[in-house]
N, C-alpha and C. Protein backbone atom coordinates (compact mmCIF):
# COMPACT_ATOMS: atom_id res chain seq x y z
N UNK A 1 -11.65 -33.01 17.54
CA UNK A 1 -11.60 -33.53 18.89
C UNK A 1 -11.40 -32.43 19.92
N UNK A 2 -10.79 -31.31 19.57
CA UNK A 2 -10.54 -30.26 20.56
C UNK A 2 -11.80 -29.42 20.72
N UNK A 3 -12.27 -29.28 21.94
CA UNK A 3 -13.44 -28.46 22.22
C UNK A 3 -13.05 -27.00 22.44
N UNK A 4 -11.96 -26.79 23.17
CA UNK A 4 -11.44 -25.44 23.38
C UNK A 4 -10.00 -25.54 23.87
N UNK A 5 -9.30 -24.42 23.80
CA UNK A 5 -7.91 -24.37 24.23
C UNK A 5 -7.60 -22.97 24.72
N UNK A 6 -6.44 -22.77 25.29
CA UNK A 6 -6.07 -21.46 25.78
C UNK A 6 -4.59 -21.31 25.95
N UNK A 7 -4.19 -20.05 26.16
CA UNK A 7 -2.77 -19.75 26.35
C UNK A 7 -2.60 -18.78 27.50
N UNK A 8 -1.40 -18.78 28.06
CA UNK A 8 -1.01 -17.79 29.05
C UNK A 8 -0.49 -16.56 28.32
N UNK A 9 -0.83 -15.38 28.83
CA UNK A 9 -0.34 -14.13 28.27
C UNK A 9 0.22 -13.28 29.40
N UNK A 10 1.33 -12.62 29.13
CA UNK A 10 1.99 -11.82 30.17
C UNK A 10 1.19 -10.57 30.53
N UNK A 11 0.54 -9.96 29.54
CA UNK A 11 -0.24 -8.74 29.75
C UNK A 11 -1.60 -8.96 29.09
N UNK A 12 -2.61 -9.24 29.90
CA UNK A 12 -3.94 -9.59 29.38
C UNK A 12 -4.50 -8.50 28.47
N UNK A 13 -4.42 -7.25 28.90
CA UNK A 13 -5.01 -6.17 28.12
C UNK A 13 -4.31 -5.99 26.77
N UNK A 14 -2.99 -6.11 26.75
CA UNK A 14 -2.24 -6.01 25.49
C UNK A 14 -2.59 -7.18 24.57
N UNK A 15 -2.66 -8.38 25.13
CA UNK A 15 -3.02 -9.56 24.33
C UNK A 15 -4.45 -9.44 23.80
N UNK A 16 -5.37 -8.98 24.65
CA UNK A 16 -6.75 -8.82 24.22
C UNK A 16 -6.85 -7.83 23.07
N UNK A 17 -6.14 -6.73 23.15
CA UNK A 17 -6.14 -5.75 22.08
C UNK A 17 -5.65 -6.37 20.77
N UNK A 18 -4.59 -7.17 20.84
CA UNK A 18 -4.06 -7.86 19.66
C UNK A 18 -5.09 -8.82 19.08
N UNK A 19 -5.64 -9.70 19.91
CA UNK A 19 -6.58 -10.72 19.42
C UNK A 19 -7.91 -10.11 18.98
N UNK A 20 -8.36 -9.04 19.62
CA UNK A 20 -9.57 -8.36 19.15
C UNK A 20 -9.42 -7.99 17.67
N UNK A 21 -8.29 -7.43 17.31
CA UNK A 21 -8.06 -6.97 15.94
C UNK A 21 -7.73 -8.13 15.00
N UNK A 22 -6.91 -9.07 15.46
CA UNK A 22 -6.49 -10.18 14.60
C UNK A 22 -7.64 -11.12 14.28
N UNK A 23 -8.54 -11.34 15.23
CA UNK A 23 -9.64 -12.29 15.02
C UNK A 23 -10.84 -11.69 14.28
N UNK A 24 -10.97 -10.38 14.25
CA UNK A 24 -12.12 -9.75 13.60
C UNK A 24 -12.31 -10.22 12.16
N UNK A 25 -11.26 -10.31 11.33
CA UNK A 25 -11.45 -10.79 9.95
C UNK A 25 -11.92 -12.25 9.87
N UNK A 26 -11.72 -13.01 10.93
CA UNK A 26 -12.14 -14.41 10.95
C UNK A 26 -13.55 -14.58 11.50
N UNK A 27 -14.18 -13.47 11.85
CA UNK A 27 -15.54 -13.53 12.39
C UNK A 27 -15.60 -13.94 13.85
N UNK A 28 -14.47 -13.89 14.53
CA UNK A 28 -14.42 -14.25 15.95
C UNK A 28 -14.25 -12.99 16.78
N UNK A 29 -14.77 -13.03 18.00
CA UNK A 29 -14.67 -11.88 18.88
C UNK A 29 -14.56 -12.33 20.33
N UNK A 30 -14.27 -11.37 21.19
CA UNK A 30 -14.20 -11.63 22.62
C UNK A 30 -15.62 -11.82 23.13
N UNK A 31 -15.91 -12.98 23.70
CA UNK A 31 -17.28 -13.32 24.10
C UNK A 31 -17.50 -13.33 25.60
N UNK A 32 -16.45 -13.54 26.38
CA UNK A 32 -16.70 -13.75 27.80
C UNK A 32 -15.48 -13.46 28.65
N UNK A 33 -15.71 -12.76 29.76
CA UNK A 33 -14.70 -12.58 30.80
C UNK A 33 -15.18 -13.38 32.00
N UNK A 34 -14.36 -14.28 32.50
CA UNK A 34 -14.73 -15.08 33.67
C UNK A 34 -14.64 -14.18 34.90
N UNK A 35 -15.67 -14.15 35.73
CA UNK A 35 -15.62 -13.32 36.94
C UNK A 35 -14.41 -13.67 37.82
N UNK A 36 -13.76 -12.63 38.32
CA UNK A 36 -12.53 -12.80 39.10
C UNK A 36 -12.71 -13.71 40.31
N UNK A 37 -13.92 -13.75 40.87
CA UNK A 37 -14.13 -14.62 42.05
C UNK A 37 -14.04 -16.10 41.69
N UNK A 38 -14.08 -16.42 40.40
CA UNK A 38 -13.95 -17.83 39.98
C UNK A 38 -12.55 -18.16 39.48
N UNK A 39 -11.66 -17.16 39.44
CA UNK A 39 -10.32 -17.39 38.89
C UNK A 39 -9.21 -17.06 39.88
N UNK A 40 -9.59 -16.75 41.10
CA UNK A 40 -8.57 -16.34 42.06
C UNK A 40 -7.98 -14.98 41.73
N UNK A 41 -8.73 -14.16 41.01
CA UNK A 41 -8.27 -12.82 40.65
C UNK A 41 -7.50 -12.75 39.35
N UNK A 42 -7.26 -13.88 38.70
CA UNK A 42 -6.54 -13.91 37.43
C UNK A 42 -7.50 -13.52 36.31
N UNK A 43 -7.03 -12.68 35.38
CA UNK A 43 -7.85 -12.30 34.23
C UNK A 43 -7.93 -13.48 33.27
N UNK A 44 -9.17 -13.91 32.95
CA UNK A 44 -9.41 -15.03 32.03
C UNK A 44 -10.58 -14.63 31.13
N UNK A 45 -10.38 -14.74 29.82
CA UNK A 45 -11.44 -14.41 28.88
C UNK A 45 -11.36 -15.26 27.64
N UNK A 46 -12.50 -15.41 26.95
CA UNK A 46 -12.56 -16.32 25.81
C UNK A 46 -13.09 -15.70 24.53
N UNK A 47 -12.57 -16.21 23.41
CA UNK A 47 -12.93 -15.80 22.05
C UNK A 47 -13.62 -16.93 21.30
N UNK A 48 -14.43 -16.56 20.34
CA UNK A 48 -15.04 -17.55 19.46
C UNK A 48 -15.99 -16.88 18.49
N UNK A 49 -16.70 -17.72 17.74
CA UNK A 49 -17.75 -17.22 16.85
C UNK A 49 -19.10 -17.32 17.54
N UNK A 50 -19.45 -18.49 18.06
CA UNK A 50 -20.72 -18.66 18.77
C UNK A 50 -20.52 -18.88 20.27
N UNK A 51 -19.40 -19.45 20.65
CA UNK A 51 -19.09 -19.70 22.05
C UNK A 51 -17.58 -19.61 22.22
N UNK A 52 -17.11 -19.35 23.41
CA UNK A 52 -15.66 -19.24 23.62
C UNK A 52 -14.95 -20.58 23.36
N UNK A 53 -13.95 -20.55 22.51
CA UNK A 53 -13.16 -21.75 22.22
C UNK A 53 -11.66 -21.51 22.37
N UNK A 54 -11.26 -20.24 22.42
CA UNK A 54 -9.85 -19.89 22.58
C UNK A 54 -9.75 -18.92 23.75
N UNK A 55 -9.05 -19.35 24.80
CA UNK A 55 -9.02 -18.61 26.05
C UNK A 55 -7.65 -17.99 26.31
N UNK A 56 -7.66 -16.79 26.89
CA UNK A 56 -6.46 -16.13 27.36
C UNK A 56 -6.53 -16.11 28.88
N UNK A 57 -5.41 -16.38 29.52
CA UNK A 57 -5.34 -16.16 30.97
C UNK A 57 -4.00 -15.52 31.29
N UNK A 58 -4.07 -14.50 32.15
CA UNK A 58 -2.87 -13.74 32.48
C UNK A 58 -2.00 -14.52 33.45
N UNK A 59 -0.81 -14.85 33.00
CA UNK A 59 0.16 -15.61 33.79
C UNK A 59 1.50 -15.50 33.09
N UNK A 60 2.51 -16.09 33.66
CA UNK A 60 3.80 -16.11 33.01
C UNK A 60 3.66 -16.80 31.67
N UNK A 61 4.03 -16.10 30.62
CA UNK A 61 3.87 -16.63 29.27
C UNK A 61 5.23 -16.99 28.69
N UNK A 62 5.22 -17.82 27.69
CA UNK A 62 6.44 -18.19 27.00
C UNK A 62 6.13 -18.53 25.56
N UNK A 63 7.07 -18.25 24.68
CA UNK A 63 6.84 -18.53 23.26
C UNK A 63 6.91 -20.02 22.96
N UNK A 64 6.61 -20.35 21.74
CA UNK A 64 6.78 -21.72 21.30
C UNK A 64 5.49 -22.45 21.02
N UNK A 65 4.36 -21.85 21.32
CA UNK A 65 3.09 -22.51 21.02
C UNK A 65 2.63 -22.14 19.62
N UNK A 66 1.86 -23.03 19.02
CA UNK A 66 1.32 -22.80 17.69
C UNK A 66 -0.17 -23.07 17.70
N UNK A 67 -0.94 -22.12 17.16
CA UNK A 67 -2.39 -22.27 17.05
C UNK A 67 -2.81 -21.87 15.65
N UNK A 68 -3.58 -22.72 15.00
CA UNK A 68 -4.11 -22.43 13.67
C UNK A 68 -5.62 -22.23 13.77
N UNK A 69 -6.10 -21.16 13.19
CA UNK A 69 -7.52 -20.82 13.24
C UNK A 69 -8.12 -20.91 11.85
N UNK A 70 -9.32 -21.47 11.76
CA UNK A 70 -9.99 -21.71 10.48
C UNK A 70 -10.50 -20.40 9.89
N UNK A 71 -10.14 -20.17 8.65
CA UNK A 71 -10.68 -19.06 7.86
C UNK A 71 -11.64 -19.65 6.84
N UNK A 72 -12.68 -18.90 6.53
CA UNK A 72 -13.68 -19.39 5.58
C UNK A 72 -13.35 -19.07 4.14
N UNK A 73 -12.33 -18.23 3.93
CA UNK A 73 -11.91 -17.88 2.57
C UNK A 73 -10.45 -17.43 2.60
N UNK A 74 -9.84 -17.39 1.45
CA UNK A 74 -8.47 -16.88 1.37
C UNK A 74 -8.42 -15.40 1.70
N UNK A 75 -9.49 -14.69 1.37
CA UNK A 75 -9.56 -13.27 1.73
C UNK A 75 -9.53 -13.07 3.23
N UNK A 76 -10.18 -13.96 3.99
CA UNK A 76 -10.10 -13.87 5.45
C UNK A 76 -8.68 -14.08 5.94
N UNK A 77 -7.95 -15.00 5.33
CA UNK A 77 -6.55 -15.23 5.70
C UNK A 77 -5.75 -13.94 5.48
N UNK A 78 -5.93 -13.33 4.32
CA UNK A 78 -5.22 -12.09 4.00
C UNK A 78 -5.56 -10.99 5.01
N UNK A 79 -6.85 -10.84 5.31
CA UNK A 79 -7.31 -9.80 6.24
C UNK A 79 -6.79 -10.06 7.65
N UNK A 80 -6.78 -11.33 8.08
CA UNK A 80 -6.23 -11.69 9.38
C UNK A 80 -4.77 -11.25 9.47
N UNK A 81 -3.99 -11.56 8.46
CA UNK A 81 -2.57 -11.24 8.45
C UNK A 81 -2.35 -9.73 8.59
N UNK A 82 -3.06 -8.94 7.80
CA UNK A 82 -2.92 -7.49 7.85
C UNK A 82 -3.37 -6.94 9.20
N UNK A 83 -4.49 -7.44 9.72
CA UNK A 83 -4.99 -6.98 11.01
C UNK A 83 -4.02 -7.33 12.13
N UNK A 84 -3.47 -8.54 12.10
CA UNK A 84 -2.54 -8.97 13.14
C UNK A 84 -1.26 -8.14 13.11
N UNK A 85 -0.75 -7.84 11.92
CA UNK A 85 0.45 -7.00 11.83
C UNK A 85 0.16 -5.59 12.34
N UNK A 86 -0.99 -5.03 11.95
CA UNK A 86 -1.31 -3.67 12.39
C UNK A 86 -1.58 -3.61 13.89
N UNK A 87 -1.90 -4.76 14.50
CA UNK A 87 -2.14 -4.83 15.94
C UNK A 87 -0.86 -5.09 16.73
N UNK A 88 0.27 -5.15 16.05
CA UNK A 88 1.54 -5.35 16.75
C UNK A 88 2.15 -6.72 16.59
N UNK A 89 1.52 -7.59 15.79
CA UNK A 89 2.10 -8.90 15.52
C UNK A 89 3.32 -8.78 14.62
N UNK A 90 4.13 -9.83 14.61
CA UNK A 90 5.33 -9.87 13.75
C UNK A 90 5.16 -10.96 12.70
N UNK A 91 5.57 -10.67 11.50
CA UNK A 91 5.47 -11.62 10.39
C UNK A 91 6.20 -12.92 10.70
N UNK A 92 5.53 -14.02 10.35
CA UNK A 92 6.17 -15.33 10.42
C UNK A 92 5.78 -16.16 9.20
N UNK A 93 5.31 -15.50 8.16
CA UNK A 93 4.94 -16.19 6.91
C UNK A 93 3.76 -15.50 6.25
N UNK A 94 4.03 -14.80 5.16
CA UNK A 94 2.99 -14.06 4.44
C UNK A 94 1.91 -15.01 3.92
N UNK A 95 0.71 -14.46 3.64
CA UNK A 95 -0.36 -15.29 3.08
C UNK A 95 0.07 -15.95 1.77
N UNK A 96 -0.26 -17.21 1.64
CA UNK A 96 0.06 -17.93 0.41
C UNK A 96 -0.20 -19.42 0.54
N UNK A 97 -0.05 -20.08 -0.58
CA UNK A 97 -0.24 -21.53 -0.61
C UNK A 97 0.93 -22.23 0.07
N UNK A 98 0.63 -23.30 0.76
CA UNK A 98 1.62 -24.20 1.36
C UNK A 98 1.34 -25.59 0.80
N UNK A 99 1.67 -25.84 -0.49
CA UNK A 99 1.31 -27.10 -1.14
C UNK A 99 1.99 -28.32 -0.55
N UNK A 100 3.01 -28.13 0.29
CA UNK A 100 3.63 -29.28 0.95
C UNK A 100 2.68 -29.91 1.95
N UNK A 101 1.62 -29.19 2.38
CA UNK A 101 0.58 -29.78 3.23
C UNK A 101 -0.52 -30.40 2.38
N UNK A 102 -1.07 -29.64 1.47
CA UNK A 102 -1.96 -30.12 0.42
C UNK A 102 -2.17 -28.98 -0.58
N UNK A 103 -2.64 -29.27 -1.80
CA UNK A 103 -2.66 -28.26 -2.87
C UNK A 103 -3.45 -26.99 -2.55
N UNK A 104 -4.46 -27.04 -1.70
CA UNK A 104 -5.28 -25.87 -1.42
C UNK A 104 -5.05 -25.28 -0.03
N UNK A 105 -3.94 -25.64 0.62
CA UNK A 105 -3.63 -25.13 1.96
C UNK A 105 -3.12 -23.70 1.82
N UNK A 106 -3.97 -22.73 2.18
CA UNK A 106 -3.64 -21.31 2.06
C UNK A 106 -3.59 -20.75 3.47
N UNK A 107 -2.45 -20.19 3.88
CA UNK A 107 -2.29 -19.78 5.27
C UNK A 107 -1.39 -18.55 5.39
N UNK A 108 -1.46 -17.95 6.58
CA UNK A 108 -0.56 -16.86 6.96
C UNK A 108 -0.20 -17.07 8.43
N UNK A 109 0.99 -16.63 8.81
CA UNK A 109 1.51 -16.85 10.15
C UNK A 109 2.03 -15.54 10.74
N UNK A 110 1.72 -15.30 12.02
CA UNK A 110 2.26 -14.15 12.75
C UNK A 110 2.64 -14.59 14.15
N UNK A 111 3.58 -13.87 14.74
CA UNK A 111 3.88 -14.04 16.16
C UNK A 111 3.05 -13.02 16.93
N UNK A 112 2.35 -13.47 17.98
CA UNK A 112 1.58 -12.55 18.82
C UNK A 112 2.54 -11.83 19.78
N UNK A 113 2.05 -10.91 20.62
CA UNK A 113 2.95 -10.16 21.52
C UNK A 113 3.76 -11.03 22.47
N UNK A 114 3.31 -12.26 22.75
CA UNK A 114 4.05 -13.16 23.64
C UNK A 114 4.93 -14.15 22.88
N UNK A 115 5.00 -14.04 21.56
CA UNK A 115 5.85 -14.91 20.76
C UNK A 115 5.20 -16.20 20.30
N UNK A 116 3.89 -16.35 20.51
CA UNK A 116 3.19 -17.54 20.01
C UNK A 116 3.00 -17.43 18.50
N UNK A 117 3.11 -18.55 17.81
CA UNK A 117 2.94 -18.61 16.36
C UNK A 117 1.45 -18.81 16.06
N UNK A 118 0.81 -17.77 15.54
CA UNK A 118 -0.62 -17.78 15.28
C UNK A 118 -0.84 -17.84 13.77
N UNK A 119 -1.69 -18.77 13.34
CA UNK A 119 -1.93 -19.02 11.92
C UNK A 119 -3.41 -18.91 11.61
N UNK A 120 -3.71 -18.37 10.43
CA UNK A 120 -5.06 -18.47 9.87
C UNK A 120 -4.92 -19.32 8.62
N UNK A 121 -5.81 -20.31 8.44
CA UNK A 121 -5.70 -21.24 7.32
C UNK A 121 -7.06 -21.48 6.68
N UNK A 122 -7.05 -21.54 5.35
CA UNK A 122 -8.24 -21.89 4.59
C UNK A 122 -7.88 -23.10 3.73
N UNK A 123 -8.73 -24.12 3.78
CA UNK A 123 -8.49 -25.35 3.02
C UNK A 123 -9.30 -25.40 1.73
N UNK A 124 -10.06 -24.35 1.45
CA UNK A 124 -10.94 -24.34 0.28
C UNK A 124 -10.19 -23.95 -0.99
N UNK A 125 -10.72 -24.38 -2.10
CA UNK A 125 -10.22 -23.91 -3.39
C UNK A 125 -10.57 -22.43 -3.53
N UNK A 126 -9.88 -21.68 -4.40
CA UNK A 126 -10.14 -20.24 -4.51
C UNK A 126 -11.60 -19.89 -4.77
N UNK A 127 -12.31 -20.72 -5.52
CA UNK A 127 -13.70 -20.41 -5.86
C UNK A 127 -14.69 -20.81 -4.76
N UNK A 128 -14.21 -21.50 -3.71
CA UNK A 128 -15.08 -21.96 -2.63
C UNK A 128 -14.99 -21.01 -1.43
N UNK A 129 -16.04 -20.97 -0.68
CA UNK A 129 -16.05 -20.30 0.61
C UNK A 129 -16.58 -21.29 1.62
N UNK A 130 -15.87 -21.47 2.73
CA UNK A 130 -16.29 -22.42 3.75
C UNK A 130 -17.28 -21.77 4.71
N UNK A 131 -18.13 -22.56 5.30
CA UNK A 131 -19.09 -22.05 6.29
C UNK A 131 -18.63 -22.39 7.68
């Protein structure tokens, strides 16, 4: 049901650097910067695979939000976790199974620079790869 979503970030350039690296293993990248004349001068940009679906906008940010991003394999979850940590994220749950959700729920969690809980999750069995 969700078409797209976004978060406020205190420092757009720092957040962009983090998400550029964290999303690369998931096949997502920075796709669009909204021209400043349409945002009142606020930095706004979007990430996705084919079209922007996750937006950053520079404003007063606060922790406590949670976003889970689809990974096509468990390897992508692992790579996301390592990339996010190397980009300055903080551990909030190493890659692994979370069978309390369902038997094949494989996920990793990190806090982004603004304290948001960012997750990569794969619902496939180990031998499957999602498209």
